[in-house]
Amino acid sequence: MKAYIKDQIKKSYQAKQDIYANEALLDNIVAVAKLCVKLYQGDKKTILAGNGGSAADAQHIAAELVGRYGFDRPSIPSLALTTDTSNLTAIGNDYGYDFVFSRQLEGMGQNGDIFIGISTSGNSVNIVNAFESAKKKGITTIALVGKDGGKMAKIADYALVVPSDSTPRIQESHILIGHILCDIIEKEIFADGVEN
């Protein structure tokens, strides 16, 4: 069993190594980080959504921004569309599950906001629909995905595609990228920034 555990750790490590060596992905992370910093220098917010484990990641990232990531500072506005069960069940019942995020964006999203859709496959219909709603409102879309990026990577303004076909490795990498973004945002806005 110990050998199996070590193998799982090794596979997780390899996924991070693949990100580390992927210059195009790193450049996209830099671009998204700069975009978020610029957003937060104004009066807009990030909005996140995902399904299952990706819903938990959306909530996790939003909580790091609203609460704190590395040090005490003013709250940063961020919203996870996965947390309001009344909205989710009402919209799901009245319009269908494919519209649980797009409908919320129609009501709460504002021109200039950023929407981060999280999906390991990149093909979650409710996130694809949310991207379409976001574009109609002038909301920038970011796909945090894996595998080949799926439909989401093709229609997003920015795509952060984890180079892996393994759902667990993709999810572990998504939270790493989310933490990196939170760290950069916090330091650029409230501290002395980060080294280039």
Protein backbone atom coordinates (compact mmCIF):
# COMPACT_ATOMS: atom_id res chain seq x y z
CA MET A 1 0.00 0.00 0.00
CA LYS A 2 2.85 2.40 0.75
CA ALA A 3 4.16 1.91 -2.78
CA TYR A 4 0.72 2.81 -4.15
CA ILE A 5 0.62 5.96 -2.02
CA LYS A 6 4.07 6.96 -3.25
CA ASP A 7 2.96 6.34 -6.83
CA GLN A 8 -0.03 8.67 -6.36
CA ILE A 9 2.25 11.37 -4.95
CA LYS A 10 4.63 10.88 -7.87
CA LYS A 11 1.79 11.29 -10.39
CA SER A 12 0.66 14.48 -8.67
CA TYR A 13 4.22 15.77 -8.70
CA GLN A 14 4.55 14.94 -12.42
CA ALA A 15 1.41 16.94 -13.23
CA LYS A 16 2.94 19.97 -11.49
CA GLN A 17 6.22 19.40 -13.37
CA ASP A 18 4.28 19.44 -16.65
CA ILE A 19 2.74 22.80 -15.70
CA TYR A 20 6.15 24.11 -14.64
CA ALA A 21 7.60 23.23 -18.05
CA ASN A 22 4.65 24.55 -20.10
CA GLU A 23 5.68 28.11 -21.03
CA ALA A 24 2.43 28.85 -22.88
CA LEU A 25 0.35 27.90 -19.85
CA LEU A 26 2.60 29.92 -17.56
CA ASP A 27 2.21 32.93 -19.86
CA ASN A 28 -1.58 32.52 -19.68
CA ILE A 29 -1.46 32.37 -15.88
CA VAL A 30 0.56 35.61 -15.88
CA ALA A 31 -1.97 37.24 -18.22
CA VAL A 32 -4.91 36.17 -16.05
CA ALA A 33 -3.15 37.32 -12.87
CA LYS A 34 -2.53 40.77 -14.41
CA LEU A 35 -6.13 40.92 -15.58
CA CYS A 36 -7.40 40.13 -12.07
CA VAL A 37 -5.10 42.71 -10.48
CA LYS A 38 -6.37 45.36 -12.91
CA LEU A 39 -9.96 44.31 -12.14
CA TYR A 40 -9.42 44.70 -8.41
CA GLN A 41 -7.85 48.12 -8.82
CA GLY A 42 -11.36 49.13 -9.89
CA ASP A 43 -14.70 48.22 -8.36
CA LYS A 44 -15.48 44.90 -10.05
CA LYS A 45 -15.47 41.27 -8.86
CA THR A 46 -14.55 37.76 -9.84
CA ILE A 47 -17.34 35.20 -10.14
CA LEU A 48 -16.59 31.48 -10.14
CA ALA A 49 -18.51 28.27 -10.80
CA GLY A 50 -17.96 24.57 -11.33
CA ASN A 51 -19.61 21.20 -10.73
CA GLY A 52 -18.76 18.64 -8.05
CA GLY A 53 -15.13 18.97 -6.99
CA SER A 54 -14.85 22.01 -9.23
CA ALA A 55 -17.72 23.61 -7.29
CA ALA A 56 -15.66 23.14 -4.14
CA ASP A 57 -12.66 24.70 -5.90
CA ALA A 58 -14.78 27.69 -6.95
CA GLN A 59 -15.88 28.21 -3.35
CA HIS A 60 -12.34 27.70 -2.06
CA ILE A 61 -10.84 30.34 -4.37
CA ALA A 62 -13.64 32.84 -3.67
CA ALA A 63 -13.16 32.34 0.08
CA GLU A 64 -9.41 32.99 -0.19
CA LEU A 65 -10.15 36.34 -1.84
CA VAL A 66 -13.02 37.45 0.38
CA GLY A 67 -11.36 36.28 3.59
CA ARG A 68 -7.60 36.22 3.31
CA TYR A 69 -4.94 34.18 1.60
CA GLY A 70 -1.54 34.92 3.09
CA PHE A 71 -1.96 37.96 5.33
CA ASP A 72 -4.56 40.29 6.82
CA ARG A 73 -5.86 42.90 4.39
CA PRO A 74 -9.20 44.36 3.22
CA SER A 75 -11.66 41.91 1.70
CA ILE A 76 -11.52 41.35 -2.07
CA PRO A 77 -14.92 40.90 -3.79
CA SER A 78 -15.43 37.40 -5.16
CA LEU A 79 -18.53 35.23 -5.54
CA ALA A 80 -19.01 31.50 -6.08
CA LEU A 81 -22.29 30.74 -7.89
CA THR A 82 -22.32 27.27 -6.33
CA THR A 83 -23.19 28.30 -2.78
CA ASP A 84 -26.83 29.41 -2.91
CA THR A 85 -28.94 26.26 -2.82
CA SER A 86 -32.17 28.22 -3.22
CA ASN A 87 -30.92 29.70 -6.49
CA LEU A 88 -29.49 26.40 -7.71
CA THR A 89 -32.65 24.41 -6.99
CA ALA A 90 -35.10 27.06 -8.17
CA ILE A 91 -33.26 27.65 -11.46
CA GLY A 92 -32.65 23.93 -11.92
CA ASN A 93 -36.34 23.21 -11.35
CA ASP A 94 -37.71 26.04 -13.48
CA TYR A 95 -35.16 26.22 -16.31
CA GLY A 96 -33.00 23.08 -16.05
CA TYR A 97 -29.59 22.33 -14.59
CA ASP A 98 -27.86 23.55 -17.75
CA PHE A 99 -28.84 27.12 -16.79
CA VAL A 100 -28.02 27.25 -13.06
CA PHE A 101 -24.97 29.47 -13.62
CA SER A 102 -25.97 31.45 -16.70
CA ARG A 103 -29.18 32.64 -15.02
CA GLN A 104 -27.27 33.81 -11.94
CA LEU A 105 -24.77 35.68 -14.12
CA GLU A 106 -27.64 37.43 -15.87
CA GLY A 107 -28.75 38.83 -12.52
CA MET A 108 -25.49 39.38 -10.63
CA GLY A 109 -22.80 39.82 -13.26
CA GLN A 110 -21.73 43.30 -14.33
CA ASN A 111 -19.83 44.60 -17.31
CA GLY A 112 -16.15 44.46 -16.41
CA ASP A 113 -16.41 41.50 -14.02
CA ILE A 114 -14.41 38.31 -14.56
CA PHE A 115 -16.06 34.88 -14.67
CA ILE A 116 -13.89 31.84 -13.99
CA GLY A 117 -15.49 28.58 -15.08
CA ILE A 118 -13.88 25.43 -13.69
CA SER A 119 -14.23 22.00 -15.34
CA THR A 120 -11.84 19.08 -15.67
CA SER A 121 -13.21 18.14 -19.10
CA GLY A 122 -13.94 21.65 -20.35
CA ASN A 123 -17.31 20.47 -21.61
CA SER A 124 -19.70 21.25 -18.74
CA VAL A 125 -22.83 22.51 -20.47
CA ASN A 126 -23.84 24.79 -17.61
CA ILE A 127 -20.43 26.50 -17.68
CA VAL A 128 -20.50 26.81 -21.49
CA ASN A 129 -23.94 28.48 -21.16
CA ALA A 130 -22.55 30.75 -18.44
CA PHE A 131 -19.73 31.84 -20.78
CA GLU A 132 -22.32 32.81 -23.37
CA SER A 133 -24.28 34.85 -20.80
CA ALA A 134 -21.05 36.46 -19.59
CA LYS A 135 -20.07 37.58 -23.08
CA LYS A 136 -23.47 39.23 -23.58
CA LYS A 137 -22.86 41.29 -20.44
CA GLY A 138 -19.25 42.25 -21.17
CA ILE A 139 -17.82 39.89 -18.56
CA THR A 140 -14.38 38.45 -19.30
CA THR A 141 -14.34 34.64 -19.30
CA ILE A 142 -11.57 32.39 -18.04
CA ALA A 143 -11.65 28.60 -18.50
CA LEU A 144 -9.81 26.62 -15.83
CA VAL A 145 -9.82 23.20 -17.46
CA GLY A 146 -7.82 20.06 -18.26
CA LYS A 147 -7.40 17.43 -20.98
CA ASP A 148 -7.70 19.17 -24.39
CA GLY A 149 -9.59 22.13 -22.91
CA GLY A 150 -12.93 21.06 -24.41
CA LYS A 151 -15.54 23.53 -25.60
CA MET A 152 -14.78 25.95 -22.80
CA ALA A 153 -11.20 26.57 -23.94
CA LYS A 154 -12.43 27.36 -27.44
CA ILE A 155 -14.92 30.04 -26.36
CA ALA A 156 -13.20 31.53 -23.30
CA ASP A 157 -11.28 34.79 -23.48
CA TYR A 158 -8.45 33.03 -21.61
CA ALA A 159 -7.91 29.28 -21.17
CA LEU A 160 -5.75 27.75 -18.45
CA VAL A 161 -5.51 24.14 -19.63
CA VAL A 162 -3.81 21.72 -17.23
CA PRO A 163 -1.84 19.24 -19.41
CA SER A 164 -3.30 16.04 -17.95
CA ASP A 165 -6.06 13.52 -18.68
CA SER A 166 -6.44 12.48 -15.03
CA THR A 167 -9.35 14.12 -13.19
CA PRO A 168 -7.65 13.99 -9.75
CA ARG A 169 -4.41 15.48 -11.13
CA ILE A 170 -6.35 18.21 -12.95
CA GLN A 171 -8.28 19.12 -9.79
CA GLU A 172 -5.09 19.23 -7.72
CA SER A 173 -3.54 21.50 -10.31
CA HIS A 174 -6.59 23.75 -10.47
CA ILE A 175 -6.32 24.56 -6.79
CA LEU A 176 -2.56 25.19 -7.22
CA ILE A 177 -3.29 27.68 -10.01
CA GLY A 178 -6.11 29.22 -7.95
CA HIS A 179 -3.74 29.68 -5.00
CA ILE A 180 -1.11 31.25 -7.24
CA LEU A 181 -3.68 33.74 -8.57
CA CYS A 182 -4.89 34.59 -5.05
CA ASP A 183 -1.30 35.07 -3.88
CA ILE A 184 -0.40 37.40 -6.75
CA ILE A 185 -3.62 39.41 -6.46
CA GLU A 186 -3.15 39.91 -2.73
CA LYS A 187 0.51 40.88 -2.97
CA GLU A 188 0.11 43.17 -5.98
CA ILE A 189 -2.78 45.10 -4.43
CA PHE A 190 -1.91 45.18 -0.74
CA ALA A 191 1.82 44.53 -0.45
CA ASP A 192 4.92 45.28 -2.49
CA GLY A 193 3.97 43.08 -5.41
CA VAL A 194 5.76 39.97 -6.62
CA GLU A 195 9.05 39.57 -8.43
CA ASN A 196 8.73 39.47 -12.23
